[in-house]
């Protein structure tokens, strides 16, 4: 049984990066803003989901340390993509919000990702398109179960 799990883990660890590379990085994205890093894009995506997060929420959601997120946000502030605001009740509490410029940048990035995915998906036959969607829905369902179990621990 242990060997079976090990081989499954090995297979997933090989497949997952290849899937992500093929779907999202197969054709190098040409951003209008090459000075923005992947870490910064990730932070902007998180803020797009739910703007006005605390630094702690942002670092937790990105799975990075608070120090790492502080450095990322510093660069985002310098580039006028986000702004920081301190709580008037607790000066230790810092919230991060997208600026209109930052929102535009991340919307542009999201659209480019969708366009790239559309180009790839359109190359597939309709049955494969449907199967791919169904498989991703199954994967999402399993990942949601994993998250639920993690929350119980």
N, C-alpha and C. Protein backbone atom coordinates (compact mmCIF):
# COMPACT_ATOMS: atom_id res chain seq x y z
N UNK A 1 0.83 -1.20 0.00
CA UNK A 1 0.00 0.00 0.00
C UNK A 1 0.87 1.26 0.00
N UNK A 2 1.92 1.28 0.82
CA UNK A 2 2.81 2.43 0.90
C UNK A 2 3.47 2.69 -0.45
N UNK A 3 3.85 1.61 -1.16
CA UNK A 3 4.48 1.75 -2.47
C UNK A 3 3.48 2.33 -3.46
N UNK A 4 2.21 1.93 -3.38
CA UNK A 4 1.17 2.43 -4.27
C UNK A 4 0.98 3.94 -4.09
N UNK A 5 0.95 4.40 -2.84
CA UNK A 5 0.80 5.84 -2.56
C UNK A 5 2.03 6.58 -3.07
N UNK A 6 3.20 6.02 -2.84
CA UNK A 6 4.42 6.66 -3.31
C UNK A 6 4.42 6.82 -4.82
N UNK A 7 3.98 5.81 -5.54
CA UNK A 7 3.95 5.90 -7.00
C UNK A 7 2.89 6.90 -7.46
N UNK A 8 1.78 7.00 -6.74
CA UNK A 8 0.76 7.99 -7.07
C UNK A 8 1.29 9.40 -6.85
N UNK A 9 1.97 9.61 -5.74
CA UNK A 9 2.55 10.92 -5.43
C UNK A 9 3.58 11.28 -6.49
N UNK A 10 4.41 10.32 -6.85
CA UNK A 10 5.43 10.55 -7.87
C UNK A 10 4.78 10.95 -9.20
N UNK A 11 3.73 10.26 -9.57
CA UNK A 11 3.04 10.53 -10.86
C UNK A 11 2.38 11.92 -10.84
N UNK A 12 1.70 12.25 -9.75
CA UNK A 12 1.06 13.57 -9.63
C UNK A 12 2.12 14.67 -9.69
N UNK A 13 3.23 14.47 -8.98
CA UNK A 13 4.28 15.50 -8.95
C UNK A 13 4.91 15.71 -10.33
N UNK A 14 4.86 14.70 -11.19
CA UNK A 14 5.35 14.85 -12.56
C UNK A 14 4.30 15.48 -13.48
N UNK A 15 3.03 15.08 -13.29
CA UNK A 15 1.97 15.54 -14.18
C UNK A 15 1.55 16.99 -13.95
N UNK A 16 1.43 17.37 -12.69
CA UNK A 16 0.88 18.69 -12.38
C UNK A 16 1.68 19.84 -13.01
N UNK A 17 3.00 19.87 -12.85
CA UNK A 17 3.73 20.98 -13.50
C UNK A 17 3.60 20.97 -15.02
N UNK A 18 3.52 19.77 -15.61
CA UNK A 18 3.37 19.69 -17.07
C UNK A 18 2.02 20.23 -17.52
N UNK A 19 0.98 19.92 -16.75
CA UNK A 19 -0.37 20.42 -17.08
C UNK A 19 -0.39 21.94 -16.99
N UNK A 20 0.14 22.47 -15.91
CA UNK A 20 0.15 23.93 -15.72
C UNK A 20 0.97 24.59 -16.82
N UNK A 21 2.12 24.02 -17.12
CA UNK A 21 2.97 24.58 -18.18
C UNK A 21 2.25 24.58 -19.51
N UNK A 22 1.61 23.48 -19.85
CA UNK A 22 0.93 23.37 -21.14
C UNK A 22 -0.25 24.31 -21.26
N UNK A 23 -1.02 24.45 -20.19
CA UNK A 23 -2.23 25.27 -20.26
C UNK A 23 -1.95 26.75 -20.11
N UNK A 24 -0.99 27.11 -19.28
CA UNK A 24 -0.84 28.52 -18.95
C UNK A 24 0.50 29.14 -19.37
N UNK A 25 1.50 28.31 -19.62
CA UNK A 25 2.80 28.87 -19.96
C UNK A 25 3.34 28.31 -21.26
N UNK A 26 2.50 27.59 -21.99
CA UNK A 26 2.93 27.00 -23.25
C UNK A 26 3.38 28.05 -24.24
N UNK A 27 2.65 29.12 -24.32
CA UNK A 27 3.04 30.25 -25.15
C UNK A 27 3.37 31.38 -24.20
N UNK A 28 4.60 31.80 -24.22
CA UNK A 28 5.06 32.82 -23.27
C UNK A 28 4.18 34.06 -23.33
N UNK A 29 3.67 34.44 -22.21
CA UNK A 29 2.83 35.64 -22.15
C UNK A 29 3.65 36.88 -22.33
N UNK A 30 3.16 37.77 -23.14
CA UNK A 30 3.83 39.05 -23.34
C UNK A 30 3.06 40.10 -22.58
N UNK A 31 3.48 40.33 -21.39
CA UNK A 31 2.83 41.37 -20.59
C UNK A 31 3.36 42.73 -21.03
N UNK A 32 2.48 43.69 -20.94
CA UNK A 32 2.90 45.06 -21.25
C UNK A 32 3.81 45.59 -20.14
N UNK A 33 3.87 44.87 -19.03
CA UNK A 33 4.60 45.33 -17.85
C UNK A 33 5.57 44.24 -17.39
N UNK A 34 6.70 44.08 -18.08
CA UNK A 34 7.63 43.00 -17.75
C UNK A 34 8.28 43.13 -16.38
N UNK A 35 8.17 44.30 -15.74
CA UNK A 35 8.79 44.49 -14.42
C UNK A 35 7.95 43.90 -13.29
N UNK A 36 6.75 43.43 -13.61
CA UNK A 36 5.88 42.83 -12.59
C UNK A 36 6.20 41.34 -12.52
N UNK A 37 6.50 40.87 -11.31
CA UNK A 37 6.89 39.47 -11.11
C UNK A 37 5.67 38.57 -10.94
N UNK A 38 5.89 37.27 -11.03
CA UNK A 38 4.82 36.29 -10.82
C UNK A 38 4.25 36.43 -9.41
N UNK A 39 5.11 36.65 -8.41
CA UNK A 39 4.64 36.83 -7.03
C UNK A 39 3.72 38.04 -6.92
N UNK A 40 4.07 39.10 -7.62
CA UNK A 40 3.22 40.30 -7.60
C UNK A 40 1.89 40.03 -8.30
N UNK A 41 1.93 39.32 -9.42
CA UNK A 41 0.70 38.95 -10.13
C UNK A 41 -0.19 38.12 -9.22
N UNK A 42 0.42 37.18 -8.49
CA UNK A 42 -0.36 36.33 -7.56
C UNK A 42 -1.03 37.19 -6.50
N UNK A 43 -0.32 38.13 -5.93
CA UNK A 43 -0.90 39.01 -4.91
C UNK A 43 -2.05 39.84 -5.51
N UNK A 44 -1.86 40.33 -6.72
CA UNK A 44 -2.93 41.10 -7.37
C UNK A 44 -4.16 40.24 -7.64
N UNK A 45 -3.94 38.98 -8.03
CA UNK A 45 -5.06 38.05 -8.23
C UNK A 45 -5.84 37.86 -6.93
N UNK A 46 -5.12 37.68 -5.85
CA UNK A 46 -5.77 37.48 -4.55
C UNK A 46 -6.59 38.71 -4.18
N UNK A 47 -6.03 39.88 -4.41
CA UNK A 47 -6.76 41.12 -4.10
C UNK A 47 -7.96 41.31 -5.03
N UNK A 48 -7.86 40.80 -6.24
CA UNK A 48 -8.99 40.89 -7.16
C UNK A 48 -10.16 40.05 -6.65
N UNK A 49 -9.84 38.91 -6.03
CA UNK A 49 -10.87 38.04 -5.46
C UNK A 49 -11.58 38.72 -4.30
N UNK A 50 -10.78 39.40 -3.47
CA UNK A 50 -11.32 40.04 -2.28
C UNK A 50 -10.38 41.18 -1.89
N UNK A 51 -10.72 42.35 -2.34
CA UNK A 51 -9.88 43.52 -2.10
C UNK A 51 -9.92 43.90 -0.61
N UNK A 52 -8.97 44.70 -0.20
CA UNK A 52 -8.91 45.22 1.16
C UNK A 52 -8.59 44.13 2.18
N UNK A 53 -7.61 43.32 1.86
CA UNK A 53 -7.16 42.27 2.79
C UNK A 53 -6.07 42.81 3.70
N UNK A 54 -5.96 42.18 4.87
CA UNK A 54 -4.84 42.52 5.74
C UNK A 54 -3.58 41.87 5.17
N UNK A 55 -2.43 42.34 5.61
CA UNK A 55 -1.17 41.74 5.18
C UNK A 55 -1.13 40.26 5.57
N UNK A 56 -1.63 39.94 6.75
CA UNK A 56 -1.65 38.55 7.21
C UNK A 56 -2.54 37.68 6.33
N UNK A 57 -3.72 38.18 5.99
CA UNK A 57 -4.63 37.43 5.11
C UNK A 57 -3.99 37.22 3.74
N UNK A 58 -3.36 38.24 3.25
CA UNK A 58 -2.73 38.17 1.94
C UNK A 58 -1.59 37.14 1.94
N UNK A 59 -0.75 37.17 2.95
CA UNK A 59 0.35 36.21 3.01
C UNK A 59 -0.16 34.79 3.23
N UNK A 60 -1.19 34.62 4.05
CA UNK A 60 -1.78 33.29 4.25
C UNK A 60 -2.35 32.74 2.94
N UNK A 61 -3.07 33.57 2.24
CA UNK A 61 -3.72 33.15 0.99
C UNK A 61 -2.69 32.83 -0.09
N UNK A 62 -1.56 33.52 -0.08
CA UNK A 62 -0.50 33.28 -1.07
C UNK A 62 0.46 32.18 -0.63
N UNK A 63 0.31 31.68 0.61
CA UNK A 63 1.18 30.65 1.16
C UNK A 63 2.63 31.10 1.20
N UNK A 64 2.83 32.34 1.63
CA UNK A 64 4.19 32.87 1.82
C UNK A 64 4.26 33.50 3.21
N UNK A 65 5.48 33.76 3.65
CA UNK A 65 5.64 34.39 4.95
C UNK A 65 5.21 35.85 4.88
N UNK A 66 4.95 36.41 6.04
CA UNK A 66 4.57 37.81 6.12
C UNK A 66 5.70 38.70 5.58
N UNK A 67 6.94 38.34 5.86
CA UNK A 67 8.09 39.10 5.36
C UNK A 67 8.17 39.09 3.84
N UNK A 68 7.94 37.93 3.25
CA UNK A 68 7.94 37.82 1.79
C UNK A 68 6.83 38.67 1.19
N UNK A 69 5.64 38.60 1.80
CA UNK A 69 4.52 39.39 1.28
C UNK A 69 4.78 40.88 1.47
N UNK A 70 5.42 41.25 2.56
CA UNK A 70 5.75 42.66 2.78
C UNK A 70 6.64 43.18 1.65
N UNK A 71 7.64 42.39 1.27
CA UNK A 71 8.51 42.78 0.15
C UNK A 71 7.73 42.89 -1.16
N UNK A 72 6.85 41.95 -1.39
CA UNK A 72 6.03 41.97 -2.61
C UNK A 72 5.14 43.21 -2.63
N UNK A 73 4.48 43.48 -1.51
CA UNK A 73 3.58 44.64 -1.44
C UNK A 73 4.37 45.94 -1.55
N UNK A 74 5.57 45.98 -0.98
CA UNK A 74 6.41 47.18 -1.12
C UNK A 74 6.63 47.52 -2.60
N UNK A 75 6.94 46.50 -3.39
CA UNK A 75 7.15 46.73 -4.82
C UNK A 75 5.85 47.13 -5.52
N UNK A 76 4.73 46.53 -5.10
CA UNK A 76 3.43 46.88 -5.69
C UNK A 76 3.06 48.33 -5.36
N UNK A 77 3.36 48.76 -4.15
CA UNK A 77 3.09 50.14 -3.75
C UNK A 77 3.97 51.09 -4.58
N UNK A 78 5.25 50.75 -4.71
CA UNK A 78 6.17 51.58 -5.50
C UNK A 78 5.70 51.73 -6.95
N UNK A 79 5.11 50.65 -7.48
CA UNK A 79 4.61 50.67 -8.86
C UNK A 79 3.18 51.20 -8.97
N UNK A 80 2.64 51.67 -7.82
CA UNK A 80 1.30 52.27 -7.77
C UNK A 80 0.19 51.29 -8.18
N UNK A 81 0.42 49.99 -7.88
CA UNK A 81 -0.57 48.96 -8.19
C UNK A 81 -1.50 48.70 -7.00
N UNK A 82 -1.00 48.95 -5.79
CA UNK A 82 -1.81 48.80 -4.58
C UNK A 82 -1.51 49.97 -3.65
N UNK A 83 -2.37 50.12 -2.66
CA UNK A 83 -2.09 51.09 -1.59
C UNK A 83 -2.32 50.40 -0.26
N UNK A 84 -1.57 50.86 0.72
CA UNK A 84 -1.69 50.35 2.09
C UNK A 84 -2.47 51.37 2.91
N UNK A 85 -3.30 50.88 3.81
CA UNK A 85 -3.94 51.77 4.78
C UNK A 85 -3.84 51.12 6.15
N UNK A 86 -3.55 51.95 7.15
CA UNK A 86 -3.48 51.47 8.53
C UNK A 86 -4.82 51.69 9.20
N UNK A 87 -5.17 50.76 10.05
CA UNK A 87 -6.40 50.88 10.83
C UNK A 87 -6.26 52.05 11.80
N UNK A 88 -7.32 52.82 11.95
CA UNK A 88 -7.30 53.91 12.92
C UNK A 88 -7.43 53.37 14.34
N UNK A 89 -8.00 52.16 14.47
CA UNK A 89 -8.18 51.56 15.79
C UNK A 89 -6.97 50.77 16.26
N UNK A 90 -6.27 50.15 15.32
CA UNK A 90 -5.10 49.34 15.66
C UNK A 90 -4.03 49.59 14.59
N UNK A 91 -3.02 50.38 14.92
CA UNK A 91 -2.00 50.78 13.97
C UNK A 91 -1.20 49.59 13.42
N UNK A 92 -1.24 48.47 14.12
CA UNK A 92 -0.53 47.28 13.64
C UNK A 92 -1.24 46.64 12.45
N UNK A 93 -2.54 46.91 12.32
CA UNK A 93 -3.35 46.30 11.26
C UNK A 93 -3.21 47.12 9.98
N UNK A 94 -2.63 46.48 8.96
CA UNK A 94 -2.42 47.13 7.67
C UNK A 94 -3.25 46.40 6.62
N UNK A 95 -4.04 47.17 5.88
CA UNK A 95 -4.85 46.60 4.80
C UNK A 95 -4.25 47.00 3.47
N UNK A 96 -4.44 46.13 2.49
CA UNK A 96 -3.91 46.37 1.15
C UNK A 96 -5.09 46.39 0.18
N UNK A 97 -5.09 47.40 -0.68
CA UNK A 97 -6.17 47.56 -1.66
C UNK A 97 -5.57 47.80 -3.04
N UNK A 98 -6.26 47.30 -4.05
CA UNK A 98 -5.87 47.59 -5.43
C UNK A 98 -6.12 49.05 -5.75
N UNK A 99 -5.23 49.65 -6.49
CA UNK A 99 -5.50 50.97 -7.05
C UNK A 99 -6.23 50.74 -8.37
N UNK A 100 -6.87 51.77 -8.92
CA UNK A 100 -7.48 51.59 -10.24
C UNK A 100 -6.47 51.10 -11.29
N UNK A 101 -5.24 51.61 -11.22
CA UNK A 101 -4.19 51.18 -12.14
C UNK A 101 -3.89 49.69 -11.93
N UNK A 102 -3.75 49.26 -10.67
CA UNK A 102 -3.49 47.85 -10.36
C UNK A 102 -4.62 46.96 -10.82
N UNK A 103 -5.85 47.41 -10.64
CA UNK A 103 -7.00 46.63 -11.08
C UNK A 103 -6.97 46.46 -12.60
N UNK A 104 -6.61 47.51 -13.31
CA UNK A 104 -6.51 47.42 -14.76
C UNK A 104 -5.44 46.44 -15.21
N UNK A 105 -4.30 46.45 -14.51
CA UNK A 105 -3.20 45.54 -14.85
C UNK A 105 -3.64 44.10 -14.65
N UNK A 106 -4.28 43.81 -13.53
CA UNK A 106 -4.65 42.41 -13.26
C UNK A 106 -5.79 41.97 -14.16
N UNK A 107 -6.70 42.86 -14.49
CA UNK A 107 -7.75 42.51 -15.44
C UNK A 107 -7.15 42.19 -16.81
N UNK A 108 -6.16 42.97 -17.21
CA UNK A 108 -5.46 42.71 -18.48
C UNK A 108 -4.79 41.32 -18.44
N UNK A 109 -4.14 41.02 -17.33
CA UNK A 109 -3.46 39.73 -17.18
C UNK A 109 -4.47 38.59 -17.22
N UNK A 110 -5.57 38.73 -16.50
CA UNK A 110 -6.59 37.68 -16.49
C UNK A 110 -7.16 37.45 -17.89
N UNK A 111 -7.37 38.52 -18.63
CA UNK A 111 -7.91 38.39 -19.98
C UNK A 111 -6.90 37.69 -20.90
N UNK A 112 -5.63 38.02 -20.75
CA UNK A 112 -4.60 37.35 -21.56
C UNK A 112 -4.54 35.86 -21.23
N UNK A 113 -4.69 35.51 -19.97
CA UNK A 113 -4.71 34.09 -19.57
C UNK A 113 -5.90 33.38 -20.20
N UNK A 114 -7.06 34.01 -20.15
CA UNK A 114 -8.27 33.42 -20.75
C UNK A 114 -8.11 33.28 -22.25
N UNK A 115 -7.56 34.29 -22.89
CA UNK A 115 -7.35 34.22 -24.35
C UNK A 115 -6.40 33.09 -24.71
N UNK A 116 -5.34 32.95 -23.93
CA UNK A 116 -4.37 31.88 -24.18
C UNK A 116 -5.01 30.51 -23.98
N UNK A 117 -5.79 30.37 -22.91
CA UNK A 117 -6.47 29.10 -22.65
C UNK A 117 -7.48 28.80 -23.77
N UNK A 118 -8.18 29.82 -24.23
CA UNK A 118 -9.14 29.63 -25.32
C UNK A 118 -8.45 29.12 -26.58
N UNK A 119 -7.27 29.69 -26.89
CA UNK A 119 -6.53 29.23 -28.08
C UNK A 119 -6.19 27.75 -27.97
N UNK A 120 -5.80 27.35 -26.78
CA UNK A 120 -5.40 25.96 -26.57
C UNK A 120 -6.63 25.05 -26.63
N UNK A 121 -7.69 25.42 -25.93
CA UNK A 121 -8.90 24.59 -25.86
C UNK A 121 -9.54 24.45 -27.24
N UNK A 122 -9.54 25.53 -28.02
CA UNK A 122 -10.17 25.49 -29.34
C UNK A 122 -9.49 24.51 -30.29
N UNK A 123 -8.26 24.15 -30.01
CA UNK A 123 -7.56 23.17 -30.84
C UNK A 123 -8.07 21.76 -30.61
N UNK A 124 -8.76 21.55 -29.48
CA UNK A 124 -9.25 20.22 -29.12
C UNK A 124 -10.60 19.94 -29.79
N UNK A 125 -10.87 18.66 -29.98
CA UNK A 125 -12.19 18.26 -30.46
C UNK A 125 -13.19 18.50 -29.34
N UNK A 126 -14.45 18.65 -29.70
CA UNK A 126 -15.49 18.99 -28.72
C UNK A 126 -15.57 17.98 -27.58
N UNK A 127 -15.44 16.69 -27.89
CA UNK A 127 -15.49 15.67 -26.84
C UNK A 127 -14.35 15.85 -25.84
N UNK A 128 -13.17 16.16 -26.35
CA UNK A 128 -12.02 16.38 -25.46
C UNK A 128 -12.20 17.65 -24.64
N UNK A 129 -12.81 18.69 -25.21
CA UNK A 129 -13.10 19.91 -24.47
C UNK A 129 -14.02 19.61 -23.29
N UNK A 130 -15.08 18.84 -23.57
CA UNK A 130 -16.04 18.48 -22.50
C UNK A 130 -15.38 17.61 -21.44
N UNK A 131 -14.56 16.67 -21.89
CA UNK A 131 -13.87 15.79 -20.94
C UNK A 131 -12.90 16.56 -20.07
N UNK A 132 -12.19 17.51 -20.68
CA UNK A 132 -11.24 18.34 -19.92
C UNK A 132 -11.97 19.13 -18.84
N UNK A 133 -13.08 19.74 -19.19
CA UNK A 133 -13.86 20.50 -18.21
C UNK A 133 -14.36 19.58 -17.09
N UNK A 134 -14.91 18.43 -17.47
CA UNK A 134 -15.42 17.48 -16.45
C UNK A 134 -14.29 17.03 -15.53
N UNK A 135 -13.12 16.76 -16.10
CA UNK A 135 -11.99 16.33 -15.28
C UNK A 135 -11.54 17.44 -14.33
N UNK A 136 -11.51 18.69 -14.81
CA UNK A 136 -11.15 19.79 -13.92
C UNK A 136 -12.19 19.99 -12.82
N UNK A 137 -13.45 19.79 -13.13
CA UNK A 137 -14.48 19.88 -12.09
C UNK A 137 -14.29 18.78 -11.06
N UNK A 138 -13.92 17.57 -11.51
CA UNK A 138 -13.64 16.48 -10.58
C UNK A 138 -12.43 16.81 -9.70
N UNK A 139 -11.38 17.33 -10.30
CA UNK A 139 -10.19 17.70 -9.54
C UNK A 139 -10.54 18.77 -8.52
N UNK A 140 -11.31 19.76 -8.94
CA UNK A 140 -11.71 20.82 -8.01
C UNK A 140 -12.49 20.24 -6.83
N UNK A 141 -13.38 19.31 -7.12
CA UNK A 141 -14.17 18.67 -6.05
C UNK A 141 -13.27 17.96 -5.05
N UNK A 142 -12.27 17.28 -5.55
CA UNK A 142 -11.33 16.57 -4.67
C UNK A 142 -10.51 17.56 -3.85
N UNK A 143 -10.03 18.63 -4.51
CA UNK A 143 -9.24 19.64 -3.80
C UNK A 143 -10.09 20.31 -2.72
N UNK A 144 -11.38 20.55 -3.00
CA UNK A 144 -12.27 21.14 -2.00
C UNK A 144 -12.39 20.21 -0.79
N UNK A 145 -12.43 18.92 -1.02
CA UNK A 145 -12.47 17.95 0.09
C UNK A 145 -11.18 18.03 0.91
N UNK A 146 -10.05 18.15 0.22
CA UNK A 146 -8.77 18.27 0.90
C UNK A 146 -8.76 19.51 1.79
N UNK A 147 -9.23 20.64 1.25
CA UNK A 147 -9.27 21.88 2.02
C UNK A 147 -10.18 21.73 3.24
N UNK A 148 -11.29 21.03 3.07
CA UNK A 148 -12.22 20.82 4.19
C UNK A 148 -11.57 19.98 5.29
N UNK A 149 -10.84 18.95 4.89
CA UNK A 149 -10.13 18.09 5.86
C UNK A 149 -9.05 18.90 6.56
N UNK A 150 -8.32 19.74 5.82
CA UNK A 150 -7.28 20.57 6.43
C UNK A 150 -7.88 21.50 7.46
N UNK A 151 -9.07 22.02 7.19
CA UNK A 151 -9.73 22.92 8.12
C UNK A 151 -10.15 22.25 9.42
N UNK A 152 -10.37 20.94 9.37
CA UNK A 152 -10.79 20.17 10.55
C UNK A 152 -9.60 19.87 11.43
N UNK A 153 -8.43 19.69 10.85
CA UNK A 153 -7.23 19.30 11.62
C UNK A 153 -6.82 20.34 12.61
